[in-house]
Amino acid sequence: MYNLKQITPVVRHIQKVSPNMFRETGGEFMVHCPYCSDAMRKNASAHGHMYIAIDSPVMNCFRCETSGTIIRFLIDTGFDDADVLKYIASFIQYRFIKNYSKRSIVSVKSMNELYKANIERLTNFKKQDPERFNIFRNYIISRIGNVDYNLFFIYPNIVKIKDKNYFGCGFNNSNNQYITTRIANPNSYFRYKNSEQNNLYYFQIKDLNRYNRIVITEGAFDIIVLYLYSNLFKDSLFISISGKKYMAEVESLITKYALLGKYEINLIFDSDFKNPNITLSRCINMSSHYNQDIIVRGYIPLQPFNDTGDFPQTTEIEL
C-alpha cells in the first residue's frame, strides 16, 4: 500500500524543495509550489498551494494548476534516486496521458466577450439570410425549446461536407473552440460535422474548483437538455465528448483537473451504446487508481428508444 510518509528520502527531498512550508493537512502535504512564484507571495509563510497526496502518488497546485504524478515533481526538482522512483512507479497502474502545467482558466470577463461575439454572429446572419435564420430558430425550438442561444454558444452555421454546403446549428465551447454543426435538414445523409480537433463541448466555465459534479454525454444537445430539463444533475459541470470514448475522456479529465479532491462523475450513455456496464466498470477501476475519492456513476435512457437529447430522463446502471 502506497504511503508517502514511509518513503523517507522523498519526504526529505520535499522538505528541501520547500523549506519554509511543509505541513500535513487532510491526508496531503501542503508545500510551496516549485512551478510558480508561490513562495514569493506576501502571505507565503502561512500557506502553500501545492498539495502532494500521502496515499496516492499524485500532486496538484491550486495556484498555477500544475498537476501530475509525484514522479514528475521529483524529477523536475532534481531527485535522482532511481530505485525510489521505480518503487513509486509500481503504484501507478494507469499511464498519465500528459503532464499539464499552467492551464488557462476562462474568466467571467472573457465569457462576456464570448457572449458578445455570439450575438454578433447571430445578428449578422439574421440580416444576411433571414429565411435560413428562421430555419435555424425552428430547428432549435424543435430540439431544445426556446432558449438563450448565447448561453450555449450556438449559432447558424454553414459547413462543407464532401464539396457540398450544409446548413445547421453550430456549437462553440466556452474556450471559443468550434465543436460541431448539427445539420438542420432532417432528410440529409449527414447529421453533423465535427471539429477536426476533437474538441469537447462545454458552455460553463470549466473550473473544478467550482464544480465537484461532472456530467459527461456523447452529444451537445444531450447536455443542454439535461441542463435545462433534468433535476437529477443540478449544480454540475456538463461536458459533451462528441463520441463514445468515455474512458479516455474520464482519464484526461482526472489527470487535468481532479487528481486531488472529492468528485462525482456521471456518465450518460445513449441507447445505442454497446455494453455500458463494461465501460462504466472500467472507468470506475481506472479512476480509483488516480483518486480514490472520485465516485463514477452510469446512466442510460429511461425510455430505450429516446436518448437524453430527446427525453432527459435517465435510470442509473446497477453493477
C-alpha atoms as a PDB file:
ATOM      1  CA  MET A   1       0.000   0.000   0.000  1.00  0.00           C
ATOM      2  CA  TYR A   2       1.358   3.396  -1.003  1.00  0.00           C
ATOM      3  CA  ASN A   3       2.192   5.709   1.912  1.00  0.00           C
ATOM      4  CA  LEU A   4       4.378   8.706   1.156  1.00  0.00           C
ATOM      5  CA  LYS A   5       5.251   9.259   4.819  1.00  0.00           C
ATOM      6  CA  GLN A   6       7.076   5.916   4.786  1.00  0.00           C
ATOM      7  CA  ILE A   7       9.272   6.912   1.811  1.00  0.00           C
ATOM      8  CA  THR A   8      11.794   8.893   3.867  1.00  0.00           C
ATOM      9  CA  PRO A   9      14.119  10.052   1.018  1.00  0.00           C
ATOM     10  CA  VAL A  10      11.174  11.616  -0.792  1.00  0.00           C
ATOM     11  CA  VAL A  11       9.831  13.355   2.308  1.00  0.00           C
ATOM     12  CA  ARG A  12      13.289  14.826   2.991  1.00  0.00           C
ATOM     13  CA  HIS A  13      13.571  15.963  -0.621  1.00  0.00           C
ATOM     14  CA  ILE A  14      10.190  17.703  -0.493  1.00  0.00           C
ATOM     15  CA  GLN A  15      11.212  19.491   2.703  1.00  0.00           C
ATOM     16  CA  LYS A  16      14.393  20.626   0.952  1.00  0.00           C
ATOM     17  CA  VAL A  17      12.443  21.906  -2.063  1.00  0.00           C
ATOM     18  CA  SER A  18      10.004  23.761   0.183  1.00  0.00           C
ATOM     19  CA  PRO A  19      11.979  24.677   3.320  1.00  0.00           C
ATOM     20  CA  ASN A  20       9.555  27.345   4.535  1.00  0.00           C
ATOM     21  CA  MET A  21       6.302  25.439   4.064  1.00  0.00           C
ATOM     22  CA  PHE A  22       5.772  21.766   4.818  1.00  0.00           C
ATOM     23  CA  ARG A  23       2.555  20.881   6.571  1.00  0.00           C
ATOM     24  CA  GLU A  24       0.363  17.790   6.735  1.00  0.00           C
ATOM     25  CA  THR A  25      -3.294  18.625   6.216  1.00  0.00           C
ATOM     26  CA  GLY A  26      -6.222  16.370   5.357  1.00  0.00           C
ATOM     27  CA  GLY A  27      -4.181  13.445   4.081  1.00  0.00           C
ATOM     28  CA  GLU A  28      -1.845  15.625   1.993  1.00  0.00           C
ATOM     29  CA  PHE A  29       1.394  17.556   2.353  1.00  0.00           C
ATOM     30  CA  MET A  30       0.995  21.288   1.748  1.00  0.00           C
ATOM     31  CA  VAL A  31       4.142  22.864   0.289  1.00  0.00           C
ATOM     32  CA  HIS A  32       5.203  25.851  -1.795  1.00  0.00           C
ATOM     33  CA  CYS A  33       4.812  25.088  -5.494  1.00  0.00           C
ATOM     34  CA  PRO A  34       8.134  24.973  -7.386  1.00  0.00           C
ATOM     35  CA  TYR A  35       6.378  25.662 -10.712  1.00  0.00           C
ATOM     36  CA  CYS A  36       5.136  29.169  -9.870  1.00  0.00           C
ATOM     37  CA  SER A  37       6.074  32.083  -7.599  1.00  0.00           C
ATOM     38  CA  ASP A  38       4.109  30.567  -4.725  1.00  0.00           C
ATOM     39  CA  ALA A  39       6.879  31.096  -2.159  1.00  0.00           C
ATOM     40  CA  MET A  40       7.242  34.786  -3.096  1.00  0.00           C
ATOM     41  CA  ARG A  41       3.706  35.806  -2.137  1.00  0.00           C
ATOM     42  CA  LYS A  42       3.074  38.252   0.696  1.00  0.00           C
ATOM     43  CA  ASN A  43       1.453  35.588   2.888  1.00  0.00           C
ATOM     44  CA  ALA A  44       3.644  32.707   1.715  1.00  0.00           C
ATOM     45  CA  SER A  45       4.746  31.821   5.259  1.00  0.00           C
ATOM     46  CA  ALA A  46       1.164  30.904   6.185  1.00  0.00           C
ATOM     47  CA  HIS A  47       0.080  28.853   3.199  1.00  0.00           C
ATOM     48  CA  GLY A  48       1.291  26.838   0.212  1.00  0.00           C
ATOM     49  CA  HIS A  49      -0.695  25.935  -2.887  1.00  0.00           C
ATOM     50  CA  MET A  50       0.987  22.669  -3.885  1.00  0.00           C
ATOM     51  CA  TYR A  51      -0.719  19.614  -2.366  1.00  0.00           C
ATOM     52  CA  ILE A  52       1.014  16.226  -2.509  1.00  0.00           C
ATOM     53  CA  ALA A  53      -1.196  13.260  -1.652  1.00  0.00           C
ATOM     54  CA  ILE A  54       0.054  10.903   1.047  1.00  0.00           C
ATOM     55  CA  ASP A  55      -1.887   7.793  -0.010  1.00  0.00           C
ATOM     56  CA  SER A  56      -1.712   8.293  -3.792  1.00  0.00           C
ATOM     57  CA  PRO A  57       1.307   9.225  -5.984  1.00  0.00           C
ATOM     58  CA  VAL A  58      -0.145  12.490  -7.338  1.00  0.00           C
ATOM     59  CA  MET A  59       0.223  16.225  -6.781  1.00  0.00           C
ATOM     60  CA  ASN A  60      -1.589  19.404  -7.751  1.00  0.00           C
ATOM     61  CA  CYS A  61      -1.015  23.158  -7.409  1.00  0.00           C
ATOM     62  CA  PHE A  62      -4.230  25.106  -6.942  1.00  0.00           C
ATOM     63  CA  ARG A  63      -2.471  28.342  -7.860  1.00  0.00           C
ATOM     64  CA  CYS A  64      -0.864  27.642 -11.254  1.00  0.00           C
ATOM     65  CA  GLU A  65      -2.853  24.396 -11.867  1.00  0.00           C
ATOM     66  CA  THR A  66       0.212  22.205 -12.414  1.00  0.00           C
ATOM     67  CA  SER A  67      -0.712  18.572 -11.793  1.00  0.00           C
ATOM     68  CA  GLY A  68       0.585  15.081 -12.429  1.00  0.00           C
ATOM     69  CA  THR A  69       2.334  12.210 -10.695  1.00  0.00           C
ATOM     70  CA  ILE A  70       4.736  12.825  -7.849  1.00  0.00           C
ATOM     71  CA  ILE A  71       7.387  11.292 -10.128  1.00  0.00           C
ATOM     72  CA  ARG A  72       7.146  14.362 -12.328  1.00  0.00           C
ATOM     73  CA  PHE A  73       7.545  16.615  -9.270  1.00  0.00           C
ATOM     74  CA  LEU A  74      10.595  14.680  -8.069  1.00  0.00           C
ATOM     75  CA  ILE A  75      12.355  14.606 -11.440  1.00  0.00           C
ATOM     76  CA  ASP A  76      11.664  18.293 -12.094  1.00  0.00           C
ATOM     77  CA  THR A  77      13.129  19.237  -8.714  1.00  0.00           C
ATOM     78  CA  GLY A  78      16.317  17.179  -9.058  1.00  0.00           C
ATOM     79  CA  PHE A  79      15.510  13.933  -7.226  1.00  0.00           C
ATOM     80  CA  ASP A  80      17.614  11.179  -8.844  1.00  0.00           C
ATOM     81  CA  ASP A  81      17.277   8.031  -6.719  1.00  0.00           C
ATOM     82  CA  ALA A  82      16.297   5.576  -9.472  1.00  0.00           C
ATOM     83  CA  ASP A  83      15.288   2.800  -7.066  1.00  0.00           C
ATOM     84  CA  VAL A  84      12.873   5.052  -5.191  1.00  0.00           C
ATOM     85  CA  LEU A  85      11.397   6.369  -8.435  1.00  0.00           C
ATOM     86  CA  LYS A  86      10.926   2.803  -9.684  1.00  0.00           C
ATOM     87  CA  TYR A  87       9.243   1.872  -6.392  1.00  0.00           C
ATOM     88  CA  ILE A  88       6.780   4.774  -6.682  1.00  0.00           C
ATOM     89  CA  ALA A  89       6.127   3.965 -10.347  1.00  0.00           C
ATOM     90  CA  SER A  90       4.968   0.481  -9.311  1.00  0.00           C
ATOM     91  CA  PHE A  91       1.892   2.078  -7.721  1.00  0.00           C
ATOM     92  CA  ILE A  92       0.879   3.912 -10.902  1.00  0.00           C
ATOM     93  CA  GLN A  93      -1.128   1.281 -12.745  1.00  0.00           C
ATOM     94  CA  TYR A  94      -2.515   3.601 -15.398  1.00  0.00           C
ATOM     95  CA  ARG A  95      -0.436   5.789 -17.669  1.00  0.00           C
ATOM     96  CA  PHE A  96      -0.948   9.514 -17.319  1.00  0.00           C
ATOM     97  CA  ILE A  97      -1.912  10.835 -20.757  1.00  0.00           C
ATOM     98  CA  LYS A  98       0.007  14.058 -20.332  1.00  0.00           C
ATOM     99  CA  ASN A  99       1.501  16.381 -17.748  1.00  0.00           C
ATOM    100  CA  TYR A 100      -0.422  19.604 -17.567  1.00  0.00           C
ATOM    101  CA  SER A 101       1.065  22.877 -16.391  1.00  0.00           C
ATOM    102  CA  LYS A 102      -0.425  26.333 -16.003  1.00  0.00           C
ATOM    103  CA  ARG A 103      -3.710  25.638 -17.774  1.00  0.00           C
ATOM    104  CA  SER A 104      -5.764  28.713 -18.572  1.00  0.00           C
ATOM    105  CA  ILE A 105      -8.982  29.410 -16.702  1.00  0.00           C
ATOM    106  CA  VAL A 106     -11.809  31.114 -18.585  1.00  0.00           C
ATOM    107  CA  SER A 107     -12.756  34.269 -16.702  1.00  0.00           C
ATOM    108  CA  VAL A 108     -16.184  35.852 -16.350  1.00  0.00           C
ATOM    109  CA  LYS A 109     -14.884  38.791 -18.382  1.00  0.00           C
ATOM    110  CA  SER A 110     -13.856  36.576 -21.302  1.00  0.00           C
ATOM    111  CA  MET A 111     -17.190  34.743 -21.082  1.00  0.00           C
ATOM    112  CA  ASN A 112     -18.960  38.076 -21.558  1.00  0.00           C
ATOM    113  CA  GLU A 113     -16.792  38.717 -24.596  1.00  0.00           C
ATOM    114  CA  LEU A 114     -17.788  35.316 -25.991  1.00  0.00           C
ATOM    115  CA  TYR A 115     -21.466  36.151 -25.471  1.00  0.00           C
ATOM    116  CA  LYS A 116     -20.983  39.399 -27.401  1.00  0.00           C
ATOM    117  CA  ALA A 117     -19.217  37.549 -30.219  1.00  0.00           C
ATOM    118  CA  ASN A 118     -22.089  35.067 -30.449  1.00  0.00           C
ATOM    119  CA  ILE A 119     -24.668  37.879 -30.510  1.00  0.00           C
ATOM    120  CA  GLU A 120     -22.740  39.438 -33.390  1.00  0.00           C
ATOM    121  CA  ARG A 121     -22.743  36.126 -35.308  1.00  0.00           C
ATOM    122  CA  LEU A 122     -26.476  35.777 -34.823  1.00  0.00           C
ATOM    123  CA  THR A 123     -27.240  39.382 -35.752  1.00  0.00           C
ATOM    124  CA  ASN A 124     -25.155  39.316 -38.924  1.00  0.00           C
ATOM    125  CA  PHE A 125     -26.626  36.020 -40.127  1.00  0.00           C
ATOM    126  CA  LYS A 126     -30.180  37.181 -39.451  1.00  0.00           C
ATOM    127  CA  LYS A 127     -29.603  40.318 -41.550  1.00  0.00           C
ATOM    128  CA  GLN A 128     -27.923  38.468 -44.409  1.00  0.00           C
ATOM    129  CA  ASP A 129     -30.189  35.414 -44.588  1.00  0.00           C
ATOM    130  CA  PRO A 130     -33.450  35.832 -42.611  1.00  0.00           C
ATOM    131  CA  GLU A 131     -35.071  32.820 -44.276  1.00  0.00           C
ATOM    132  CA  ARG A 132     -32.434  30.374 -43.136  1.00  0.00           C
ATOM    133  CA  PHE A 133     -32.251  32.093 -39.752  1.00  0.00           C
ATOM    134  CA  ASN A 134     -35.892  31.094 -39.278  1.00  0.00           C
ATOM    135  CA  ILE A 135     -34.972  27.521 -40.202  1.00  0.00           C
ATOM    136  CA  PHE A 136     -32.251  27.649 -37.547  1.00  0.00           C
ATOM    137  CA  ARG A 137     -34.664  29.086 -34.965  1.00  0.00           C
ATOM    138  CA  ASN A 138     -37.329  26.466 -35.636  1.00  0.00           C
ATOM    139  CA  TYR A 139     -34.736  23.686 -35.535  1.00  0.00           C
ATOM    140  CA  ILE A 140     -33.504  24.832 -32.114  1.00  0.00           C
ATOM    141  CA  ILE A 141     -37.059  25.074 -30.787  1.00  0.00           C
ATOM    142  CA  SER A 142     -37.790  21.544 -32.016  1.00  0.00           C
ATOM    143  CA  ARG A 143     -34.658  20.166 -30.293  1.00  0.00           C
ATOM    144  CA  ILE A 144     -34.258  22.086 -27.033  1.00  0.00           C
ATOM    145  CA  GLY A 145     -37.030  24.698 -26.870  1.00  0.00           C
ATOM    146  CA  ASN A 146     -36.978  28.491 -26.971  1.00  0.00           C
ATOM    147  CA  VAL A 147     -33.619  29.032 -25.279  1.00  0.00           C
ATOM    148  CA  ASP A 148     -30.972  31.721 -24.956  1.00  0.00           C
ATOM    149  CA  TYR A 149     -28.649  30.968 -27.902  1.00  0.00           C
ATOM    150  CA  ASN A 150     -25.767  32.856 -26.312  1.00  0.00           C
ATOM    151  CA  LEU A 151     -25.866  30.882 -23.077  1.00  0.00           C
ATOM    152  CA  PHE A 152     -24.904  27.764 -25.045  1.00  0.00           C
ATOM    153  CA  PHE A 153     -22.755  29.431 -27.761  1.00  0.00           C
ATOM    154  CA  ILE A 154     -24.975  28.169 -30.584  1.00  0.00           C
ATOM    155  CA  TYR A 155     -25.480  29.950 -33.914  1.00  0.00           C
ATOM    156  CA  PRO A 156     -26.495  29.364 -37.573  1.00  0.00           C
ATOM    157  CA  ASN A 157     -23.614  27.818 -39.459  1.00  0.00           C
ATOM    158  CA  ILE A 158     -22.753  26.548 -42.938  1.00  0.00           C
ATOM    159  CA  VAL A 159     -20.288  23.675 -43.292  1.00  0.00           C
ATOM    160  CA  LYS A 160     -18.827  21.914 -46.305  1.00  0.00           C
ATOM    161  CA  ILE A 161     -19.022  18.120 -46.373  1.00  0.00           C
ATOM    162  CA  LYS A 162     -17.645  16.321 -49.424  1.00  0.00           C
ATOM    163  CA  ASP A 163     -17.681  19.521 -51.524  1.00  0.00           C
ATOM    164  CA  LYS A 164     -21.288  20.322 -50.678  1.00  0.00           C
ATOM    165  CA  ASN A 165     -22.542  23.005 -48.301  1.00  0.00           C
ATOM    166  CA  TYR A 166     -24.914  22.103 -45.470  1.00  0.00           C
ATOM    167  CA  PHE A 167     -26.750  24.425 -43.098  1.00  0.00           C
ATOM    168  CA  GLY A 168     -27.385  23.834 -39.423  1.00  0.00           C
ATOM    169  CA  CYS A 169     -26.705  24.762 -35.818  1.00  0.00           C
ATOM    170  CA  GLY A 170     -23.081  25.442 -34.900  1.00  0.00           C
ATOM    171  CA  PHE A 171     -21.628  24.953 -31.415  1.00  0.00           C
ATOM    172  CA  ASN A 172     -18.604  26.600 -29.820  1.00  0.00           C
ATOM    173  CA  ASN A 173     -17.477  25.955 -26.252  1.00  0.00           C
ATOM    174  CA  SER A 174     -16.547  28.418 -23.512  1.00  0.00           C
ATOM    175  CA  ASN A 175     -12.927  28.311 -24.705  1.00  0.00           C
ATOM    176  CA  ASN A 176     -14.187  29.637 -28.073  1.00  0.00           C
ATOM    177  CA  GLN A 177     -13.333  26.384 -29.851  1.00  0.00           C
ATOM    178  CA  TYR A 178     -15.534  25.153 -32.680  1.00  0.00           C
ATOM    179  CA  ILE A 179     -17.099  21.826 -31.727  1.00  0.00           C
ATOM    180  CA  THR A 180     -19.692  20.666 -34.234  1.00  0.00           C
ATOM    181  CA  THR A 181     -22.537  21.660 -36.550  1.00  0.00           C
ATOM    182  CA  ARG A 182     -25.787  19.725 -36.405  1.00  0.00           C
ATOM    183  CA  ILE A 183     -27.368  19.686 -39.864  1.00  0.00           C
ATOM    184  CA  ALA A 184     -30.887  21.166 -39.772  1.00  0.00           C
ATOM    185  CA  ASN A 185     -32.194  19.252 -42.817  1.00  0.00           C
ATOM    186  CA  PRO A 186     -33.656  16.004 -41.436  1.00  0.00           C
ATOM    187  CA  ASN A 187     -33.501  14.366 -44.886  1.00  0.00           C
ATOM    188  CA  SER A 188     -29.747  14.853 -45.152  1.00  0.00           C
ATOM    189  CA  TYR A 189     -27.483  11.809 -45.053  1.00  0.00           C
ATOM    190  CA  PHE A 190     -25.106  13.794 -42.825  1.00  0.00           C
ATOM    191  CA  ARG A 191     -26.366  14.619 -39.346  1.00  0.00           C
ATOM    192  CA  TYR A 192     -23.404  16.664 -38.180  1.00  0.00           C
ATOM    193  CA  LYS A 193     -19.899  17.894 -38.935  1.00  0.00           C
ATOM    194  CA  ASN A 194     -17.482  17.661 -36.002  1.00  0.00           C
ATOM    195  CA  SER A 195     -14.353  19.693 -35.406  1.00  0.00           C
ATOM    196  CA  GLU A 196     -11.208  18.051 -36.758  1.00  0.00           C
ATOM    197  CA  GLN A 197      -9.540  18.897 -33.428  1.00  0.00           C
ATOM    198  CA  ASN A 198     -11.919  16.659 -31.441  1.00  0.00           C
ATOM    199  CA  ASN A 199     -12.700  19.463 -29.004  1.00  0.00           C
ATOM    200  CA  LEU A 200     -15.081  18.945 -26.109  1.00  0.00           C
ATOM    201  CA  TYR A 201     -18.270  20.939 -25.770  1.00  0.00           C
ATOM    202  CA  TYR A 202     -18.995  22.767 -22.515  1.00  0.00           C
ATOM    203  CA  PHE A 203     -20.871  26.036 -22.142  1.00  0.00           C
ATOM    204  CA  GLN A 204     -19.957  26.717 -18.495  1.00  0.00           C
ATOM    205  CA  ILE A 205     -16.645  27.941 -17.125  1.00  0.00           C
ATOM    206  CA  LYS A 206     -14.621  24.738 -16.947  1.00  0.00           C
ATOM    207  CA  ASP A 207     -13.460  25.109 -13.356  1.00  0.00           C
ATOM    208  CA  LEU A 208     -13.480  22.127 -10.999  1.00  0.00           C
ATOM    209  CA  ASN A 209     -12.802  24.393  -8.042  1.00  0.00           C
ATOM    210  CA  ARG A 210     -16.414  25.500  -8.595  1.00  0.00           C
ATOM    211  CA  TYR A 211     -17.981  22.144  -9.542  1.00  0.00           C
ATOM    212  CA  ASN A 212     -17.451  18.772  -7.883  1.00  0.00           C
ATOM    213  CA  ARG A 213     -20.077  17.022 -10.032  1.00  0.00           C
ATOM    214  CA  ILE A 214     -19.433  16.379 -13.721  1.00  0.00           C
ATOM    215  CA  VAL A 215     -21.897  15.072 -16.287  1.00  0.00           C
ATOM    216  CA  ILE A 216     -20.459  13.542 -19.482  1.00  0.00           C
ATOM    217  CA  THR A 217     -22.557  12.707 -22.542  1.00  0.00           C
ATOM    218  CA  GLU A 218     -21.962  11.861 -26.194  1.00  0.00           C
ATOM    219  CA  GLY A 219     -23.714  14.834 -27.803  1.00  0.00           C
ATOM    220  CA  ALA A 220     -24.087  18.581 -27.424  1.00  0.00           C
ATOM    221  CA  PHE A 221     -27.883  18.564 -27.389  1.00  0.00           C
ATOM    222  CA  ASP A 222     -27.794  15.862 -24.700  1.00  0.00           C
ATOM    223  CA  ILE A 223     -26.078  18.043 -22.120  1.00  0.00           C
ATOM    224  CA  ILE A 224     -28.193  21.097 -22.941  1.00  0.00           C
ATOM    225  CA  VAL A 225     -31.430  19.148 -22.484  1.00  0.00           C
ATOM    226  CA  LEU A 226     -30.177  17.592 -19.238  1.00  0.00           C
ATOM    227  CA  TYR A 227     -29.089  21.015 -18.003  1.00  0.00           C
ATOM    228  CA  LEU A 228     -32.455  22.581 -18.823  1.00  0.00           C
ATOM    229  CA  TYR A 229     -34.952  19.856 -18.003  1.00  0.00           C
ATOM    230  CA  SER A 230     -33.474  17.274 -15.611  1.00  0.00           C
ATOM    231  CA  ASN A 231     -33.488  17.712 -11.825  1.00  0.00           C
ATOM    232  CA  LEU A 232     -31.031  14.869 -11.274  1.00  0.00           C
ATOM    233  CA  PHE A 233     -27.803  16.720 -12.080  1.00  0.00           C
ATOM    234  CA  LYS A 234     -28.237  20.183 -10.578  1.00  0.00           C
ATOM    235  CA  ASP A 235     -25.117  22.292  -9.984  1.00  0.00           C
ATOM    236  CA  SER A 236     -22.946  20.163 -12.272  1.00  0.00           C
ATOM    237  CA  LEU A 237     -20.382  20.820 -14.972  1.00  0.00           C
ATOM    238  CA  PHE A 238     -21.774  19.455 -18.256  1.00  0.00           C
ATOM    239  CA  ILE A 239     -19.350  18.130 -20.881  1.00  0.00           C
ATOM    240  CA  SER A 240     -20.020  16.534 -24.271  1.00  0.00           C
ATOM    241  CA  ILE A 241     -17.295  14.322 -25.726  1.00  0.00           C
ATOM    242  CA  SER A 242     -18.801  14.202 -29.248  1.00  0.00           C
ATOM    243  CA  GLY A 243     -18.330  10.450 -29.469  1.00  0.00           C
ATOM    244  CA  LYS A 244     -18.080   7.286 -27.414  1.00  0.00           C
ATOM    245  CA  LYS A 245     -14.562   7.448 -25.949  1.00  0.00           C
ATOM    246  CA  TYR A 246     -15.698   7.716 -22.349  1.00  0.00           C
ATOM    247  CA  MET A 247     -12.721   6.052 -20.720  1.00  0.00           C
ATOM    248  CA  ALA A 248     -10.133   8.220 -22.477  1.00  0.00           C
ATOM    249  CA  GLU A 249     -12.032  11.394 -21.630  1.00  0.00           C
ATOM    250  CA  VAL A 250     -12.549  10.425 -17.991  1.00  0.00           C
ATOM    251  CA  GLU A 251      -8.829   9.707 -17.648  1.00  0.00           C
ATOM    252  CA  SER A 252      -7.968  13.005 -19.304  1.00  0.00           C
ATOM    253  CA  LEU A 253     -10.420  14.864 -17.070  1.00  0.00           C
ATOM    254  CA  ILE A 254      -8.965  13.358 -13.894  1.00  0.00           C
ATOM    255  CA  THR A 255      -5.332  13.932 -14.826  1.00  0.00           C
ATOM    256  CA  LYS A 256      -6.015  17.537 -15.842  1.00  0.00           C
ATOM    257  CA  TYR A 257      -8.328  18.652 -13.086  1.00  0.00           C
ATOM    258  CA  ALA A 258      -9.253  16.070 -10.463  1.00  0.00           C
ATOM    259  CA  LEU A 259      -6.173  14.349  -9.093  1.00  0.00           C
ATOM    260  CA  LEU A 260      -6.991  15.653  -5.626  1.00  0.00           C
ATOM    261  CA  GLY A 261     -10.358  16.326  -4.042  1.00  0.00           C
ATOM    262  CA  LYS A 262     -13.753  14.655  -3.991  1.00  0.00           C
ATOM    263  CA  TYR A 263     -15.679  14.474  -7.268  1.00  0.00           C
ATOM    264  CA  GLU A 264     -18.670  12.683  -8.741  1.00  0.00           C
ATOM    265  CA  ILE A 265     -18.514  11.808 -12.440  1.00  0.00           C
ATOM    266  CA  ASN A 266     -21.794  10.844 -14.105  1.00  0.00           C
ATOM    267  CA  LEU A 267     -21.623   9.072 -17.468  1.00  0.00           C
ATOM    268  CA  ILE A 268     -24.745   9.298 -19.640  1.00  0.00           C
ATOM    269  CA  PHE A 269     -24.883   6.591 -22.310  1.00  0.00           C
ATOM    270  CA  ASP A 270     -27.080   6.748 -25.407  1.00  0.00           C
ATOM    271  CA  SER A 271     -29.426   3.868 -26.177  1.00  0.00           C
ATOM    272  CA  ASP A 272     -27.171   2.615 -28.980  1.00  0.00           C
ATOM    273  CA  PHE A 273     -24.068   2.403 -26.767  1.00  0.00           C
ATOM    274  CA  LYS A 274     -22.844  -1.202 -26.607  1.00  0.00           C
ATOM    275  CA  ASN A 275     -22.036  -2.660 -23.182  1.00  0.00           C
ATOM    276  CA  PRO A 276     -22.302   0.489 -20.992  1.00  0.00           C
ATOM    277  CA  ASN A 277     -21.841  -1.717 -17.907  1.00  0.00           C
ATOM    278  CA  ILE A 278     -18.363  -2.762 -19.050  1.00  0.00           C
ATOM    279  CA  THR A 279     -17.312   0.810 -19.849  1.00  0.00           C
ATOM    280  CA  LEU A 280     -18.664   2.022 -16.505  1.00  0.00           C
ATOM    281  CA  SER A 281     -16.755  -0.701 -14.618  1.00  0.00           C
ATOM    282  CA  ARG A 282     -13.537   0.178 -16.412  1.00  0.00           C
ATOM    283  CA  CYS A 283     -13.973   3.892 -15.680  1.00  0.00           C
ATOM    284  CA  ILE A 284     -14.619   3.135 -12.002  1.00  0.00           C
ATOM    285  CA  ASN A 285     -11.487   0.966 -11.731  1.00  0.00           C
ATOM    286  CA  MET A 286      -9.323   3.439 -13.633  1.00  0.00           C
ATOM    287  CA  SER A 287     -10.445   6.495 -11.666  1.00  0.00           C
ATOM    288  CA  SER A 288      -9.839   4.776  -8.315  1.00  0.00           C
ATOM    289  CA  HIS A 289      -6.162   4.366  -9.189  1.00  0.00           C
ATOM    290  CA  TYR A 290      -5.812   8.101  -9.697  1.00  0.00           C
ATOM    291  CA  ASN A 291      -8.074   9.384  -6.930  1.00  0.00           C
ATOM    292  CA  GLN A 292      -9.973   7.125  -4.541  1.00  0.00           C
ATOM    293  CA  ASP A 293     -12.298   9.996  -3.619  1.00  0.00           C
ATOM    294  CA  ILE A 294     -13.902  10.006  -7.088  1.00  0.00           C
ATOM    295  CA  ILE A 295     -17.297   8.382  -7.500  1.00  0.00           C
ATOM    296  CA  VAL A 296     -18.256   7.290 -11.021  1.00  0.00           C
ATOM    297  CA  ARG A 297     -21.891   6.561 -11.874  1.00  0.00           C
ATOM    298  CA  GLY A 298     -23.511   5.492 -15.121  1.00  0.00           C
ATOM    299  CA  TYR A 299     -26.949   6.229 -16.557  1.00  0.00           C
ATOM    300  CA  ILE A 300     -28.943   5.016 -19.546  1.00  0.00           C
ATOM    301  CA  PRO A 301     -32.144   6.498 -21.052  1.00  0.00           C
ATOM    302  CA  LEU A 302     -35.297   5.703 -19.124  1.00  0.00           C
ATOM    303  CA  GLN A 303     -37.064   5.161 -22.434  1.00  0.00           C
ATOM    304  CA  PRO A 304     -34.891   2.809 -24.547  1.00  0.00           C
ATOM    305  CA  PHE A 305     -35.897   4.417 -27.853  1.00  0.00           C
ATOM    306  CA  ASN A 306     -35.270   8.026 -26.785  1.00  0.00           C
ATOM    307  CA  ASP A 307     -31.808   9.345 -25.955  1.00  0.00           C
ATOM    308  CA  THR A 308     -31.383  12.131 -23.417  1.00  0.00           C
ATOM    309  CA  GLY A 309     -31.201  14.695 -26.227  1.00  0.00           C
ATOM    310  CA  ASP A 310     -34.863  13.906 -26.931  1.00  0.00           C
ATOM    311  CA  PHE A 311     -36.141  12.894 -23.490  1.00  0.00           C
ATOM    312  CA  PRO A 312     -33.971  13.874 -20.490  1.00  0.00           C
ATOM    313  CA  GLN A 313     -34.958  11.107 -18.108  1.00  0.00           C
ATOM    314  CA  THR A 314     -32.410   8.507 -17.109  1.00  0.00           C
ATOM    315  CA  THR A 315     -32.057   5.484 -14.877  1.00  0.00           C
ATOM    316  CA  GLU A 316     -28.876   4.560 -13.018  1.00  0.00           C
ATOM    317  CA  ILE A 317     -26.914   1.471 -14.015  1.00  0.00           C
ATOM    318  CA  GLU A 318     -26.619  -1.093 -11.238  1.00  0.00           C
ATOM    319  CA  LEU A 319     -23.432  -3.134 -11.409  1.00  0.00           C
END
